[in-house]
Amino acid sequence: MVAERLHYLIPYATEAQEGAVLDAVAKHNGEVPRALTATFVRWDPNEEYEQLAVGPALTDATLVTLQAQAVWPSPHAGPALPHAVLVRQEIPDVSDRAATSTYMRWELMRALPNAYIDGTHAIDLYEASDAQLRAWVDPVSMRSVPEVRVGLGDALTAAATATAAATARPAVWTTMYHAVNPHWLAKLHGLSGEALRQRVLKERRVPARIAAYGSLVSGVVVGSQQYASAAEAAKAMAAKAMATASTPVPASNDDSDLE
């Protein structure tokens, strides 16, 4: 299967946001590639947990400035902040795109809870074609990010990756909670009609709701399997190893070495 090469822009406005974006990319790249993580999330207390996964590594990180005409008025339409981290990804399967997108959206929303415009989180992955990059990115602004800053460097061998995937990791369960932003309500207090509409337009970057997170650690994850404890995981892996070792190896029908 031929891998598809994707380009993503992750917009930001401030130096602090730039650092948070690079941290999220590094965290993604620190996971076992194309695998489930030990992180379970739910976007609301009434939802079911989902286990986050990642795709292949995000590579070639580059800091760029967007052309003025490429900064969209709302993140609903496209990047709405003046700078971006440009990354690339080779995906063998379309599921890799979805895994990376969900993982990064969660990490970016958690790291930057106030980065909203028009009620939408403005720091997210935006896929861009080669033509869009040529039109949107100021080529003079491009600055490469050291690989080590985004969790890359010496590539793991296949054996090391397999070992990492088979290692028991604590399962972390995190819930996102939402509440009305009192600062937002204060700005709208006493307004109605056209005055209210104008104030909402003026305060586009003030989030109407604020998020908080609660986490607990319960059980362990080995590969795609969940266990109540590390002891239970070790017992299951030992039983699997014994079963594999006791499986008879079929005799070969190849007699080419016989005289």
C-alpha atoms as a PDB file:
ATOM      1  CA  MET A   1       0.000   0.000   0.000  1.00  0.00           C
ATOM      2  CA  VAL A   2       1.328   3.452  -0.948  1.00  0.00           C
ATOM      3  CA  ALA A   3       1.294   5.915   1.934  1.00  0.00           C
ATOM      4  CA  GLU A   4      -0.449   9.244   1.446  1.00  0.00           C
ATOM      5  CA  ARG A   5       1.493  12.329   2.472  1.00  0.00           C
ATOM      6  CA  LEU A   6      -0.522  14.928   4.369  1.00  0.00           C
ATOM      7  CA  HIS A   7       0.287  18.470   5.425  1.00  0.00           C
ATOM      8  CA  TYR A   8      -1.241  20.039   8.534  1.00  0.00           C
ATOM      9  CA  LEU A   9      -1.241  23.628   9.728  1.00  0.00           C
ATOM     10  CA  ILE A  10      -1.735  24.178  13.467  1.00  0.00           C
ATOM     11  CA  PRO A  11      -2.383  27.907  13.916  1.00  0.00           C
ATOM     12  CA  TYR A  12      -1.349  30.001  16.907  1.00  0.00           C
ATOM     13  CA  ALA A  13      -0.895  33.651  17.859  1.00  0.00           C
ATOM     14  CA  THR A  14       1.534  33.912  20.779  1.00  0.00           C
ATOM     15  CA  GLU A  15       4.892  32.468  21.773  1.00  0.00           C
ATOM     16  CA  ALA A  16       3.246  30.594  24.648  1.00  0.00           C
ATOM     17  CA  GLN A  17       0.769  29.016  22.243  1.00  0.00           C
ATOM     18  CA  GLU A  18       3.618  28.065  19.914  1.00  0.00           C
ATOM     19  CA  GLY A  19       5.293  26.202  22.769  1.00  0.00           C
ATOM     20  CA  ALA A  20       2.075  24.403  23.693  1.00  0.00           C
ATOM     21  CA  VAL A  21       1.530  23.308  20.082  1.00  0.00           C
ATOM     22  CA  LEU A  22       5.078  21.932  19.831  1.00  0.00           C
ATOM     23  CA  ASP A  23       4.578  20.132  23.155  1.00  0.00           C
ATOM     24  CA  ALA A  24       1.410  18.477  21.806  1.00  0.00           C
ATOM     25  CA  VAL A  25       3.221  17.377  18.639  1.00  0.00           C
ATOM     26  CA  ALA A  26       6.036  15.928  20.773  1.00  0.00           C
ATOM     27  CA  LYS A  27       3.540  14.084  22.958  1.00  0.00           C
ATOM     28  CA  HIS A  28       1.894  12.581  19.871  1.00  0.00           C
ATOM     29  CA  ASN A  29       5.276  11.496  18.546  1.00  0.00           C
ATOM     30  CA  GLY A  30       6.179   9.988  21.916  1.00  0.00           C
ATOM     31  CA  GLU A  31       3.418   7.388  21.635  1.00  0.00           C
ATOM     32  CA  VAL A  32       3.839   4.030  19.893  1.00  0.00           C
ATOM     33  CA  PRO A  33       3.096   4.885  16.219  1.00  0.00           C
ATOM     34  CA  ARG A  34      -0.209   3.718  14.733  1.00  0.00           C
ATOM     35  CA  ALA A  35      -1.423   2.288  18.021  1.00  0.00           C
ATOM     36  CA  LEU A  36      -3.855   2.831  20.857  1.00  0.00           C
ATOM     37  CA  THR A  37      -2.610   4.896  23.789  1.00  0.00           C
ATOM     38  CA  ALA A  38      -3.240   4.362  27.507  1.00  0.00           C
ATOM     39  CA  THR A  39      -5.401   7.502  27.601  1.00  0.00           C
ATOM     40  CA  PHE A  40      -9.197   7.276  27.761  1.00  0.00           C
ATOM     41  CA  VAL A  41     -11.196  10.481  27.351  1.00  0.00           C
ATOM     42  CA  ARG A  42     -14.729  11.723  27.277  1.00  0.00           C
ATOM     43  CA  TRP A  43     -15.689  15.167  26.083  1.00  0.00           C
ATOM     44  CA  ASP A  44     -18.625  15.389  28.483  1.00  0.00           C
ATOM     45  CA  PRO A  45     -19.555  13.524  31.693  1.00  0.00           C
ATOM     46  CA  ASN A  46     -22.599  12.049  29.927  1.00  0.00           C
ATOM     47  CA  GLU A  47     -20.556  10.458  27.137  1.00  0.00           C
ATOM     48  CA  GLU A  48     -18.761   7.136  26.989  1.00  0.00           C
ATOM     49  CA  TYR A  49     -14.985   7.047  27.240  1.00  0.00           C
ATOM     50  CA  GLU A  50     -12.987   6.614  24.048  1.00  0.00           C
ATOM     51  CA  GLN A  51      -9.420   5.342  23.917  1.00  0.00           C
ATOM     52  CA  LEU A  52      -7.169   7.758  22.093  1.00  0.00           C
ATOM     53  CA  ALA A  53      -4.916   6.472  19.330  1.00  0.00           C
ATOM     54  CA  VAL A  54      -2.194   8.047  17.221  1.00  0.00           C
ATOM     55  CA  GLY A  55      -1.132   7.729  13.618  1.00  0.00           C
ATOM     56  CA  PRO A  56       2.427   7.821  12.248  1.00  0.00           C
ATOM     57  CA  ALA A  57       4.784  10.507  13.528  1.00  0.00           C
ATOM     58  CA  LEU A  58       4.244  14.169  12.682  1.00  0.00           C
ATOM     59  CA  THR A  59       7.490  15.227  10.989  1.00  0.00           C
ATOM     60  CA  ASP A  60       9.272  18.179   9.347  1.00  0.00           C
ATOM     61  CA  ALA A  61       7.907  20.655  11.879  1.00  0.00           C
ATOM     62  CA  THR A  62       8.267  24.203  10.575  1.00  0.00           C
ATOM     63  CA  LEU A  63       7.191  27.542  12.034  1.00  0.00           C
ATOM     64  CA  VAL A  64       5.432  29.715   9.467  1.00  0.00           C
ATOM     65  CA  THR A  65       3.553  32.973   9.182  1.00  0.00           C
ATOM     66  CA  LEU A  66       0.371  32.988   7.145  1.00  0.00           C
ATOM     67  CA  GLN A  67      -0.299  35.486   4.402  1.00  0.00           C
ATOM     68  CA  ALA A  68      -2.831  38.102   5.499  1.00  0.00           C
ATOM     69  CA  GLN A  69      -5.446  36.800   3.083  1.00  0.00           C
ATOM     70  CA  ALA A  70      -5.014  33.277   4.490  1.00  0.00           C
ATOM     71  CA  VAL A  71      -6.090  34.214   8.022  1.00  0.00           C
ATOM     72  CA  TRP A  72      -9.777  33.365   8.078  1.00  0.00           C
ATOM     73  CA  PRO A  73     -12.237  35.447  10.119  1.00  0.00           C
ATOM     74  CA  SER A  74     -13.505  32.321  11.889  1.00  0.00           C
ATOM     75  CA  PRO A  75     -11.907  28.946  12.692  1.00  0.00           C
ATOM     76  CA  HIS A  76     -15.043  27.354  11.266  1.00  0.00           C
ATOM     77  CA  ALA A  77     -13.682  28.224   7.803  1.00  0.00           C
ATOM     78  CA  GLY A  78      -9.923  27.791   8.219  1.00  0.00           C
ATOM     79  CA  PRO A  79      -6.883  28.943  10.220  1.00  0.00           C
ATOM     80  CA  ALA A  80      -7.890  32.111  12.072  1.00  0.00           C
ATOM     81  CA  LEU A  81      -4.574  33.002  13.728  1.00  0.00           C
ATOM     82  CA  PRO A  82      -1.522  34.599  12.060  1.00  0.00           C
ATOM     83  CA  HIS A  83       1.136  31.918  12.675  1.00  0.00           C
ATOM     84  CA  ALA A  84       1.209  28.141  12.391  1.00  0.00           C
ATOM     85  CA  VAL A  85       3.249  25.035  12.968  1.00  0.00           C
ATOM     86  CA  LEU A  86       3.429  23.119   9.696  1.00  0.00           C
ATOM     87  CA  VAL A  87       3.884  19.351  10.024  1.00  0.00           C
ATOM     88  CA  ARG A  88       3.754  16.406   7.633  1.00  0.00           C
ATOM     89  CA  GLN A  89       2.548  12.850   8.044  1.00  0.00           C
ATOM     90  CA  GLU A  90       2.790   9.711   5.924  1.00  0.00           C
ATOM     91  CA  ILE A  91      -0.404   7.700   6.429  1.00  0.00           C
ATOM     92  CA  PRO A  92      -0.842   4.149   5.095  1.00  0.00           C
ATOM     93  CA  ASP A  93      -4.549   4.189   6.030  1.00  0.00           C
ATOM     94  CA  VAL A  94      -7.277   6.829   6.338  1.00  0.00           C
ATOM     95  CA  SER A  95      -7.872   5.769   9.959  1.00  0.00           C
ATOM     96  CA  ASP A  96      -4.468   7.260  10.805  1.00  0.00           C
ATOM     97  CA  ARG A  97      -5.750  10.710   9.881  1.00  0.00           C
ATOM     98  CA  ALA A  98      -8.747  10.410  12.202  1.00  0.00           C
ATOM     99  CA  ALA A  99      -6.636   9.045  15.063  1.00  0.00           C
ATOM    100  CA  THR A 100      -4.122  11.878  14.853  1.00  0.00           C
ATOM    101  CA  SER A 101      -6.820  14.524  14.466  1.00  0.00           C
ATOM    102  CA  THR A 102      -8.746  13.390  17.555  1.00  0.00           C
ATOM    103  CA  TYR A 103      -5.595  12.984  19.649  1.00  0.00           C
ATOM    104  CA  MET A 104      -4.263  16.421  18.746  1.00  0.00           C
ATOM    105  CA  ARG A 105      -7.626  18.140  19.203  1.00  0.00           C
ATOM    106  CA  TRP A 106      -7.882  16.757  22.741  1.00  0.00           C
ATOM    107  CA  GLU A 107      -4.318  17.703  23.659  1.00  0.00           C
ATOM    108  CA  LEU A 108      -4.579  21.205  22.180  1.00  0.00           C
ATOM    109  CA  MET A 109      -7.927  21.962  23.807  1.00  0.00           C
ATOM    110  CA  ARG A 110      -6.613  20.810  27.156  1.00  0.00           C
ATOM    111  CA  ALA A 111      -3.343  22.733  26.876  1.00  0.00           C
ATOM    112  CA  LEU A 112      -4.962  25.936  25.542  1.00  0.00           C
ATOM    113  CA  PRO A 113      -8.466  26.139  27.052  1.00  0.00           C
ATOM    114  CA  ASN A 114      -9.014  29.819  26.247  1.00  0.00           C
ATOM    115  CA  ALA A 115      -8.066  29.876  22.554  1.00  0.00           C
ATOM    116  CA  TYR A 116     -11.572  30.387  21.182  1.00  0.00           C
ATOM    117  CA  ILE A 117     -12.937  32.519  18.371  1.00  0.00           C
ATOM    118  CA  ASP A 118     -16.652  32.551  17.555  1.00  0.00           C
ATOM    119  CA  GLY A 119     -17.234  29.755  20.053  1.00  0.00           C
ATOM    120  CA  THR A 120     -14.786  27.394  18.310  1.00  0.00           C
ATOM    121  CA  HIS A 121     -11.363  26.339  19.510  1.00  0.00           C
ATOM    122  CA  ALA A 122      -8.994  28.083  17.100  1.00  0.00           C
ATOM    123  CA  ILE A 123      -5.891  25.907  17.566  1.00  0.00           C
ATOM    124  CA  ASP A 124      -6.504  22.666  15.716  1.00  0.00           C
ATOM    125  CA  LEU A 125      -5.176  20.617  12.798  1.00  0.00           C
ATOM    126  CA  TYR A 126      -6.053  22.017   9.380  1.00  0.00           C
ATOM    127  CA  GLU A 127      -5.174  19.798   6.461  1.00  0.00           C
ATOM    128  CA  ALA A 128      -3.711  21.760   3.557  1.00  0.00           C
ATOM    129  CA  SER A 129      -2.835  20.793   0.010  1.00  0.00           C
ATOM    130  CA  ASP A 130       0.404  21.768  -1.721  1.00  0.00           C
ATOM    131  CA  ALA A 131      -1.468  24.484  -3.611  1.00  0.00           C
ATOM    132  CA  GLN A 132      -2.989  25.877  -0.419  1.00  0.00           C
ATOM    133  CA  LEU A 133       0.393  25.964   1.279  1.00  0.00           C
ATOM    134  CA  ARG A 134       1.858  27.916  -1.624  1.00  0.00           C
ATOM    135  CA  ALA A 135      -1.010  30.401  -1.396  1.00  0.00           C
ATOM    136  CA  TRP A 136      -1.261  30.661   2.389  1.00  0.00           C
ATOM    137  CA  VAL A 137       2.307  30.503   3.753  1.00  0.00           C
ATOM    138  CA  ASP A 138       4.812  33.344   3.589  1.00  0.00           C
ATOM    139  CA  PRO A 139       7.921  31.452   2.321  1.00  0.00           C
ATOM    140  CA  VAL A 140      10.310  33.963   3.897  1.00  0.00           C
ATOM    141  CA  SER A 141       8.919  33.184   7.348  1.00  0.00           C
ATOM    142  CA  MET A 142       9.619  29.447   7.360  1.00  0.00           C
ATOM    143  CA  ARG A 143      11.871  28.227  10.200  1.00  0.00           C
ATOM    144  CA  SER A 144      12.601  24.558  10.799  1.00  0.00           C
ATOM    145  CA  VAL A 145      12.038  23.142  14.292  1.00  0.00           C
ATOM    146  CA  PRO A 146      14.745  20.781  15.652  1.00  0.00           C
ATOM    147  CA  GLU A 147      13.542  17.185  15.570  1.00  0.00           C
ATOM    148  CA  VAL A 148      14.275  16.678  19.243  1.00  0.00           C
ATOM    149  CA  ARG A 149      11.811  19.489  20.099  1.00  0.00           C
ATOM    150  CA  VAL A 150       8.931  17.476  18.637  1.00  0.00           C
ATOM    151  CA  GLY A 151       9.884  14.113  20.048  1.00  0.00           C
ATOM    152  CA  LEU A 152      11.881  12.834  17.103  1.00  0.00           C
ATOM    153  CA  GLY A 153      15.533  12.003  16.600  1.00  0.00           C
ATOM    154  CA  ASP A 154      16.872   8.465  16.725  1.00  0.00           C
ATOM    155  CA  ALA A 155      14.124   6.296  15.266  1.00  0.00           C
ATOM    156  CA  LEU A 156      13.006   3.310  17.309  1.00  0.00           C
ATOM    157  CA  THR A 157      13.885  -0.046  15.846  1.00  0.00           C
ATOM    158  CA  ALA A 158      11.052  -2.433  15.052  1.00  0.00           C
ATOM    159  CA  ALA A 159      12.063  -4.516  18.096  1.00  0.00           C
ATOM    160  CA  ALA A 160      12.037  -1.483  20.397  1.00  0.00           C
ATOM    161  CA  THR A 161       8.628  -0.418  19.091  1.00  0.00           C
ATOM    162  CA  ALA A 162       7.256  -3.926  19.682  1.00  0.00           C
ATOM    163  CA  THR A 163       8.652  -3.906  23.216  1.00  0.00           C
ATOM    164  CA  ALA A 164       7.087  -0.521  23.938  1.00  0.00           C
ATOM    165  CA  ALA A 165       3.722  -1.712  22.617  1.00  0.00           C
ATOM    166  CA  ALA A 166       3.844  -4.772  24.908  1.00  0.00           C
ATOM    167  CA  THR A 167       4.721  -2.767  28.024  1.00  0.00           C
ATOM    168  CA  ALA A 168       2.055  -2.353  30.712  1.00  0.00           C
ATOM    169  CA  ARG A 169       1.098   1.317  31.026  1.00  0.00           C
ATOM    170  CA  PRO A 170      -1.199   2.895  33.639  1.00  0.00           C
ATOM    171  CA  ALA A 171      -4.622   3.636  32.153  1.00  0.00           C
ATOM    172  CA  VAL A 172      -5.556   7.304  32.582  1.00  0.00           C
ATOM    173  CA  TRP A 173      -9.251   8.235  32.419  1.00  0.00           C
ATOM    174  CA  THR A 174      -9.982  11.935  31.869  1.00  0.00           C
ATOM    175  CA  THR A 175     -13.279  13.795  31.630  1.00  0.00           C
ATOM    176  CA  MET A 176     -13.828  17.281  30.229  1.00  0.00           C
ATOM    177  CA  TYR A 177     -16.317  19.395  32.210  1.00  0.00           C
ATOM    178  CA  HIS A 178     -17.927  22.597  30.915  1.00  0.00           C
ATOM    179  CA  ALA A 179     -19.336  25.610  32.696  1.00  0.00           C
ATOM    180  CA  VAL A 180     -20.577  29.004  31.576  1.00  0.00           C
ATOM    181  CA  ASN A 181     -17.790  31.567  31.648  1.00  0.00           C
ATOM    182  CA  PRO A 182     -18.754  34.229  34.236  1.00  0.00           C
ATOM    183  CA  HIS A 183     -16.483  36.758  32.499  1.00  0.00           C
ATOM    184  CA  TRP A 184     -18.519  36.253  29.312  1.00  0.00           C
ATOM    185  CA  LEU A 185     -21.814  36.692  31.170  1.00  0.00           C
ATOM    186  CA  ALA A 186     -20.563  39.879  32.790  1.00  0.00           C
ATOM    187  CA  LYS A 187     -19.771  41.395  29.388  1.00  0.00           C
ATOM    188  CA  LEU A 188     -23.314  40.669  28.173  1.00  0.00           C
ATOM    189  CA  HIS A 189     -25.155  41.660  31.340  1.00  0.00           C
ATOM    190  CA  GLY A 190     -28.076  43.974  30.756  1.00  0.00           C
ATOM    191  CA  LEU A 191     -27.789  43.949  26.955  1.00  0.00           C
ATOM    192  CA  SER A 192     -30.412  42.888  24.454  1.00  0.00           C
ATOM    193  CA  GLY A 193     -31.282  43.227  20.787  1.00  0.00           C
ATOM    194  CA  GLU A 194     -28.732  44.962  18.569  1.00  0.00           C
ATOM    195  CA  ALA A 195     -26.551  45.986  21.506  1.00  0.00           C
ATOM    196  CA  LEU A 196     -26.234  42.338  22.525  1.00  0.00           C
ATOM    197  CA  ARG A 197     -25.419  41.280  18.962  1.00  0.00           C
ATOM    198  CA  GLN A 198     -22.725  43.933  18.634  1.00  0.00           C
ATOM    199  CA  ARG A 199     -21.164  42.973  21.971  1.00  0.00           C
ATOM    200  CA  VAL A 200     -21.063  39.288  20.955  1.00  0.00           C
ATOM    201  CA  LEU A 201     -19.289  40.272  17.721  1.00  0.00           C
ATOM    202  CA  LYS A 202     -16.842  42.474  19.610  1.00  0.00           C
ATOM    203  CA  GLU A 203     -16.014  39.761  22.148  1.00  0.00           C
ATOM    204  CA  ARG A 204     -15.482  36.960  19.603  1.00  0.00           C
ATOM    205  CA  ARG A 205     -12.340  35.764  21.376  1.00  0.00           C
ATOM    206  CA  VAL A 206     -13.905  35.432  24.815  1.00  0.00           C
ATOM    207  CA  PRO A 207     -15.066  31.828  25.299  1.00  0.00           C
ATOM    208  CA  ALA A 208     -18.707  31.513  26.322  1.00  0.00           C
ATOM    209  CA  ARG A 209     -17.854  28.339  28.220  1.00  0.00           C
ATOM    210  CA  ILE A 210     -14.790  27.276  30.150  1.00  0.00           C
ATOM    211  CA  ALA A 211     -13.454  23.755  30.499  1.00  0.00           C
ATOM    212  CA  ALA A 212     -12.006  21.870  33.442  1.00  0.00           C
ATOM    213  CA  TYR A 213     -10.618  18.353  33.526  1.00  0.00           C
ATOM    214  CA  GLY A 214     -10.708  15.535  36.005  1.00  0.00           C
ATOM    215  CA  SER A 215      -8.480  12.466  35.758  1.00  0.00           C
ATOM    216  CA  LEU A 216      -8.028   9.176  37.548  1.00  0.00           C
ATOM    217  CA  VAL A 217      -5.676   6.256  37.042  1.00  0.00           C
ATOM    218  CA  SER A 218      -7.299   2.848  37.009  1.00  0.00           C
ATOM    219  CA  GLY A 219      -5.929  -0.382  35.578  1.00  0.00           C
ATOM    220  CA  VAL A 220      -3.266  -0.859  32.944  1.00  0.00           C
ATOM    221  CA  VAL A 221      -3.127  -1.126  29.173  1.00  0.00           C
ATOM    222  CA  VAL A 222      -0.985  -3.542  27.186  1.00  0.00           C
ATOM    223  CA  GLY A 223      -1.307  -3.004  23.470  1.00  0.00           C
ATOM    224  CA  SER A 224      -5.056  -2.872  22.818  1.00  0.00           C
ATOM    225  CA  GLN A 225      -5.975  -4.854  25.959  1.00  0.00           C
ATOM    226  CA  GLN A 226      -7.137  -3.435  29.292  1.00  0.00           C
ATOM    227  CA  TYR A 227      -6.451  -5.109  32.638  1.00  0.00           C
ATOM    228  CA  ALA A 228      -7.531  -4.313  36.171  1.00  0.00           C
ATOM    229  CA  SER A 229      -3.965  -4.392  37.478  1.00  0.00           C
ATOM    230  CA  ALA A 230      -0.372  -4.888  36.451  1.00  0.00           C
ATOM    231  CA  ALA A 231      -0.464  -8.320  38.120  1.00  0.00           C
ATOM    232  CA  GLU A 232      -3.450  -9.368  36.029  1.00  0.00           C
ATOM    233  CA  ALA A 233      -1.692  -8.110  32.877  1.00  0.00           C
ATOM    234  CA  ALA A 234       1.475 -10.033  33.732  1.00  0.00           C
ATOM    235  CA  LYS A 235      -0.533 -13.211  34.349  1.00  0.00           C
ATOM    236  CA  ALA A 236      -2.362 -12.866  31.029  1.00  0.00           C
ATOM    237  CA  MET A 237       0.857 -12.210  29.104  1.00  0.00           C
ATOM    238  CA  ALA A 238       2.571 -15.175  30.752  1.00  0.00           C
ATOM    239  CA  ALA A 239      -0.355 -17.440  29.821  1.00  0.00           C
ATOM    240  CA  LYS A 240      -0.215 -16.165  26.253  1.00  0.00           C
ATOM    241  CA  ALA A 241       3.530 -16.800  26.069  1.00  0.00           C
ATOM    242  CA  MET A 242       3.094 -20.340  27.392  1.00  0.00           C
ATOM    243  CA  ALA A 243       0.324 -21.032  24.881  1.00  0.00           C
ATOM    244  CA  THR A 244       2.509 -19.790  22.063  1.00  0.00           C
ATOM    245  CA  ALA A 245       5.466 -21.867  23.218  1.00  0.00           C
ATOM    246  CA  SER A 246       3.379 -25.058  23.459  1.00  0.00           C
ATOM    247  CA  THR A 247       1.844 -24.695  19.993  1.00  0.00           C
ATOM    248  CA  PRO A 248       3.310 -27.421  17.749  1.00  0.00           C
ATOM    249  CA  VAL A 249       5.261 -26.172  14.762  1.00  0.00           C
ATOM    250  CA  PRO A 250       3.929 -27.830  11.560  1.00  0.00           C
ATOM    251  CA  ALA A 251       6.438 -30.144   9.939  1.00  0.00           C
ATOM    252  CA  SER A 252       7.867 -28.826   6.715  1.00  0.00           C
ATOM    253  CA  ASN A 253       7.074 -30.694   3.516  1.00  0.00           C
ATOM    254  CA  ASP A 254      10.162 -29.276   1.886  1.00  0.00           C
ATOM    255  CA  ASP A 255      12.548 -32.205   1.188  1.00  0.00           C
ATOM    256  CA  SER A 256      14.884 -30.217  -0.963  1.00  0.00           C
ATOM    257  CA  ASP A 257      17.740 -30.756   1.484  1.00  0.00           C
ATOM    258  CA  LEU A 258      17.398 -34.554   1.415  1.00  0.00           C
ATOM    259  CA  GLU A 259      19.920 -36.498  -0.643  1.00  0.00           C
END
